[in-house]
Amino acid sequence: MLEIRPTCENCNKALPFDSTEAMICTFECTFCKDCVDTILEQVCSNCGGGFEKRPIRPENLLKKYPASTTVVRKPVDLKKHQERLNKN
């Protein structure tokens, strides 16, 4: 079950359960589309994986399967991320 994290790990932009801007990697690292496209260049800064659009959890299922309220904040270390991109 996806956590449906509430914010972008890099810029802290709100990404509610129905956001069309939320992107996740295979480990569910969560970033906004702007950060994925402009900063991360489609490569996760945590695991090196790619991104997909996060599915929207239907509102009628939120009571039984609530979205996470835990904020995961890991701003991107641009130098380290650029090194990762250059190795690929």
N, C-alpha and C. Protein backbone atom coordinates (compact mmCIF):
# COMPACT_ATOMS: atom_id res chain seq x y z
N MET A 1 0.84 -1.18 0.00
CA MET A 1 0.00 0.00 0.00
C MET A 1 0.89 1.24 0.00
N LEU A 2 0.69 2.11 -0.97
CA LEU A 2 1.46 3.35 -1.03
C LEU A 2 1.15 4.25 0.16
N GLU A 3 2.19 4.91 0.65
CA GLU A 3 2.00 5.84 1.77
C GLU A 3 1.24 7.09 1.37
N ILE A 4 1.42 7.54 0.14
CA ILE A 4 0.87 8.81 -0.35
C ILE A 4 1.41 9.93 0.54
N ARG A 5 2.72 10.14 0.45
CA ARG A 5 3.39 11.15 1.26
C ARG A 5 2.87 12.54 0.91
N PRO A 6 2.83 13.44 1.91
CA PRO A 6 2.13 14.72 1.74
C PRO A 6 2.90 15.85 1.07
N THR A 7 4.23 15.71 0.90
CA THR A 7 5.01 16.83 0.37
C THR A 7 6.18 16.34 -0.48
N CYS A 8 6.74 17.26 -1.25
CA CYS A 8 7.95 17.00 -2.02
C CYS A 8 9.13 16.94 -1.06
N GLU A 9 9.96 15.92 -1.19
CA GLU A 9 11.12 15.78 -0.30
C GLU A 9 12.12 16.92 -0.48
N ASN A 10 12.18 17.50 -1.65
CA ASN A 10 13.15 18.55 -1.90
C ASN A 10 12.63 19.94 -1.51
N CYS A 11 11.54 20.38 -2.11
CA CYS A 11 11.07 21.77 -1.91
C CYS A 11 9.94 21.90 -0.91
N ASN A 12 9.42 20.79 -0.43
CA ASN A 12 8.35 20.76 0.58
C ASN A 12 6.99 21.22 0.05
N LYS A 13 6.82 21.23 -1.27
CA LYS A 13 5.54 21.59 -1.87
C LYS A 13 4.48 20.58 -1.43
N ALA A 14 3.30 21.06 -1.12
CA ALA A 14 2.21 20.19 -0.72
C ALA A 14 1.80 19.30 -1.90
N LEU A 15 1.67 18.00 -1.63
CA LEU A 15 1.25 17.02 -2.63
C LEU A 15 0.13 16.17 -2.03
N PRO A 16 -1.08 16.72 -1.96
CA PRO A 16 -2.19 15.97 -1.36
C PRO A 16 -2.51 14.69 -2.13
N PHE A 17 -3.34 13.86 -1.57
CA PHE A 17 -3.65 12.54 -2.14
C PHE A 17 -4.10 12.61 -3.60
N ASP A 18 -4.68 13.72 -4.02
CA ASP A 18 -5.19 13.82 -5.38
C ASP A 18 -4.32 14.68 -6.30
N SER A 19 -3.09 14.93 -5.88
CA SER A 19 -2.19 15.77 -6.67
C SER A 19 -1.78 15.08 -7.96
N THR A 20 -1.81 15.84 -9.04
CA THR A 20 -1.33 15.32 -10.32
C THR A 20 0.14 15.70 -10.52
N GLU A 21 0.72 16.38 -9.54
CA GLU A 21 2.12 16.81 -9.60
C GLU A 21 3.07 15.87 -8.86
N ALA A 22 2.55 14.87 -8.17
CA ALA A 22 3.37 13.97 -7.36
C ALA A 22 4.03 12.90 -8.21
N MET A 23 5.32 12.72 -8.02
CA MET A 23 6.10 11.70 -8.73
C MET A 23 6.78 10.82 -7.67
N ILE A 24 6.85 9.50 -7.94
CA ILE A 24 7.49 8.59 -7.00
C ILE A 24 8.45 7.66 -7.74
N CYS A 25 9.46 7.17 -6.99
CA CYS A 25 10.36 6.16 -7.52
C CYS A 25 9.92 4.80 -6.95
N THR A 26 10.66 3.77 -7.23
CA THR A 26 10.30 2.43 -6.79
C THR A 26 10.29 2.29 -5.26
N PHE A 27 11.05 3.15 -4.55
CA PHE A 27 11.06 3.12 -3.09
C PHE A 27 10.10 4.14 -2.50
N GLU A 28 9.29 4.75 -3.33
CA GLU A 28 8.28 5.74 -2.96
C GLU A 28 8.88 7.05 -2.48
N CYS A 29 10.12 7.33 -2.87
CA CYS A 29 10.64 8.68 -2.65
C CYS A 29 9.69 9.59 -3.42
N THR A 30 9.28 10.68 -2.82
CA THR A 30 8.23 11.51 -3.40
C THR A 30 8.73 12.92 -3.67
N PHE A 31 8.57 13.36 -4.90
CA PHE A 31 8.99 14.69 -5.32
C PHE A 31 7.90 15.29 -6.21
N CYS A 32 7.88 16.62 -6.30
CA CYS A 32 6.95 17.27 -7.21
C CYS A 32 7.51 17.18 -8.63
N LYS A 33 6.64 17.32 -9.60
CA LYS A 33 7.03 17.21 -11.00
C LYS A 33 8.08 18.25 -11.37
N ASP A 34 7.97 19.47 -10.82
CA ASP A 34 8.96 20.51 -11.12
C ASP A 34 10.35 20.09 -10.69
N CYS A 35 10.50 19.57 -9.47
CA CYS A 35 11.82 19.14 -8.99
C CYS A 35 12.35 17.96 -9.80
N VAL A 36 11.46 17.01 -10.13
CA VAL A 36 11.88 15.84 -10.92
C VAL A 36 12.41 16.27 -12.28
N ASP A 37 11.71 17.21 -12.91
CA ASP A 37 12.09 17.63 -14.27
C ASP A 37 13.29 18.58 -14.29
N THR A 38 13.33 19.54 -13.37
CA THR A 38 14.34 20.60 -13.47
C THR A 38 15.59 20.37 -12.63
N ILE A 39 15.46 19.70 -11.51
CA ILE A 39 16.60 19.50 -10.61
C ILE A 39 17.14 18.07 -10.69
N LEU A 40 16.24 17.11 -10.61
CA LEU A 40 16.65 15.70 -10.55
C LEU A 40 16.90 15.08 -11.92
N GLU A 41 16.41 15.70 -12.97
CA GLU A 41 16.57 15.18 -14.33
C GLU A 41 16.07 13.74 -14.44
N GLN A 42 14.93 13.47 -13.80
CA GLN A 42 14.24 12.17 -13.85
C GLN A 42 14.99 11.04 -13.15
N VAL A 43 15.98 11.37 -12.29
CA VAL A 43 16.74 10.36 -11.55
C VAL A 43 16.62 10.66 -10.05
N CYS A 44 16.16 9.67 -9.28
CA CYS A 44 15.98 9.86 -7.85
C CYS A 44 17.32 10.12 -7.16
N SER A 45 17.36 11.17 -6.37
CA SER A 45 18.60 11.53 -5.66
C SER A 45 18.89 10.58 -4.50
N ASN A 46 17.92 9.82 -4.08
CA ASN A 46 18.12 8.88 -2.97
C ASN A 46 18.59 7.51 -3.44
N CYS A 47 17.97 6.98 -4.50
CA CYS A 47 18.26 5.60 -4.90
C CYS A 47 18.78 5.47 -6.34
N GLY A 48 18.68 6.53 -7.13
CA GLY A 48 19.15 6.46 -8.50
C GLY A 48 18.14 5.90 -9.49
N GLY A 49 16.96 5.58 -9.00
CA GLY A 49 15.91 5.05 -9.87
C GLY A 49 15.18 6.14 -10.64
N GLY A 50 14.29 5.72 -11.52
CA GLY A 50 13.48 6.64 -12.30
C GLY A 50 12.18 6.96 -11.58
N PHE A 51 11.39 7.83 -12.17
CA PHE A 51 10.13 8.28 -11.57
C PHE A 51 8.94 7.93 -12.43
N GLU A 52 7.81 7.78 -11.76
CA GLU A 52 6.51 7.61 -12.39
C GLU A 52 5.52 8.51 -11.66
N LYS A 53 4.46 8.87 -12.35
CA LYS A 53 3.40 9.65 -11.72
C LYS A 53 2.78 8.82 -10.59
N ARG A 54 2.61 9.44 -9.43
CA ARG A 54 1.99 8.73 -8.30
C ARG A 54 0.50 8.57 -8.57
N PRO A 55 -0.04 7.38 -8.38
CA PRO A 55 -1.48 7.20 -8.56
C PRO A 55 -2.28 8.01 -7.55
N ILE A 56 -3.48 8.36 -7.92
CA ILE A 56 -4.37 9.09 -7.01
C ILE A 56 -5.22 8.07 -6.27
N ARG A 57 -5.20 8.16 -4.95
CA ARG A 57 -6.05 7.27 -4.15
C ARG A 57 -7.46 7.82 -4.18
N PRO A 58 -8.44 7.01 -4.53
CA PRO A 58 -9.82 7.50 -4.55
C PRO A 58 -10.25 8.02 -3.17
N GLU A 59 -10.91 9.15 -3.19
CA GLU A 59 -11.30 9.81 -1.94
C GLU A 59 -12.14 8.90 -1.04
N ASN A 60 -12.97 8.04 -1.63
CA ASN A 60 -13.81 7.16 -0.81
C ASN A 60 -13.01 6.09 -0.07
N LEU A 61 -11.74 5.90 -0.42
CA LEU A 61 -10.90 4.92 0.27
C LEU A 61 -10.00 5.54 1.34
N LEU A 62 -9.99 6.87 1.43
CA LEU A 62 -9.09 7.53 2.38
C LEU A 62 -9.42 7.23 3.84
N LYS A 63 -10.67 6.99 4.15
CA LYS A 63 -11.03 6.68 5.53
C LYS A 63 -10.42 5.35 5.96
N LYS A 64 -10.50 4.36 5.09
CA LYS A 64 -9.96 3.04 5.39
C LYS A 64 -8.44 2.99 5.20
N TYR A 65 -7.94 3.70 4.19
CA TYR A 65 -6.52 3.71 3.85
C TYR A 65 -6.04 5.16 3.75
N PRO A 66 -5.84 5.82 4.90
CA PRO A 66 -5.49 7.25 4.87
C PRO A 66 -4.11 7.51 4.27
N ALA A 67 -3.99 8.68 3.67
CA ALA A 67 -2.69 9.13 3.17
C ALA A 67 -1.81 9.47 4.35
N SER A 68 -0.51 9.35 4.17
CA SER A 68 0.44 9.65 5.23
C SER A 68 0.42 11.14 5.58
N THR A 69 0.69 11.44 6.82
CA THR A 69 0.85 12.83 7.25
C THR A 69 2.30 13.11 7.64
N THR A 70 3.15 12.10 7.51
CA THR A 70 4.56 12.23 7.86
C THR A 70 5.33 12.88 6.72
N VAL A 71 5.94 14.01 7.02
CA VAL A 71 6.73 14.73 6.03
C VAL A 71 8.14 14.15 6.00
N VAL A 72 8.59 13.75 4.82
CA VAL A 72 9.96 13.28 4.62
C VAL A 72 10.68 14.42 3.90
N ARG A 73 11.65 15.01 4.57
CA ARG A 73 12.34 16.18 4.00
C ARG A 73 13.81 15.83 3.80
N LYS A 74 14.22 15.70 2.56
CA LYS A 74 15.61 15.39 2.21
C LYS A 74 16.01 16.27 1.03
N PRO A 75 16.27 17.56 1.28
CA PRO A 75 16.65 18.41 0.15
C PRO A 75 17.82 17.82 -0.63
N VAL A 76 17.77 17.98 -1.93
CA VAL A 76 18.76 17.39 -2.82
C VAL A 76 20.11 18.09 -2.64
N ASP A 77 21.15 17.28 -2.45
CA ASP A 77 22.53 17.79 -2.47
C ASP A 77 22.90 17.86 -3.94
N LEU A 78 22.86 19.06 -4.50
CA LEU A 78 23.04 19.22 -5.94
C LEU A 78 24.38 18.69 -6.44
N LYS A 79 25.45 18.89 -5.66
CA LYS A 79 26.77 18.42 -6.07
C LYS A 79 26.79 16.89 -6.16
N LYS A 80 26.30 16.22 -5.12
CA LYS A 80 26.28 14.75 -5.13
C LYS A 80 25.37 14.20 -6.22
N HIS A 81 24.24 14.88 -6.42
CA HIS A 81 23.31 14.41 -7.44
C HIS A 81 23.93 14.56 -8.83
N GLN A 82 24.61 15.65 -9.08
CA GLN A 82 25.26 15.85 -10.38
C GLN A 82 26.33 14.78 -10.61
N GLU A 83 27.06 14.44 -9.57
CA GLU A 83 28.05 13.36 -9.68
C GLU A 83 27.38 12.05 -10.06
N ARG A 84 26.23 11.75 -9.45
CA ARG A 84 25.48 10.53 -9.77
C ARG A 84 25.05 10.55 -11.23
N LEU A 85 24.57 11.68 -11.69
CA LEU A 85 24.11 11.79 -13.08
C LEU A 85 25.27 11.59 -14.05
N ASN A 86 26.43 12.11 -13.71
CA ASN A 86 27.61 12.00 -14.58
C ASN A 86 28.15 10.58 -14.67
N LYS A 87 27.89 9.76 -13.64
CA LYS A 87 28.36 8.36 -13.66
C LYS A 87 27.50 7.49 -14.57
N ASN A 88 26.26 7.90 -14.80
CA ASN A 88 25.34 7.09 -15.63
C ASN A 88 25.49 7.36 -17.07
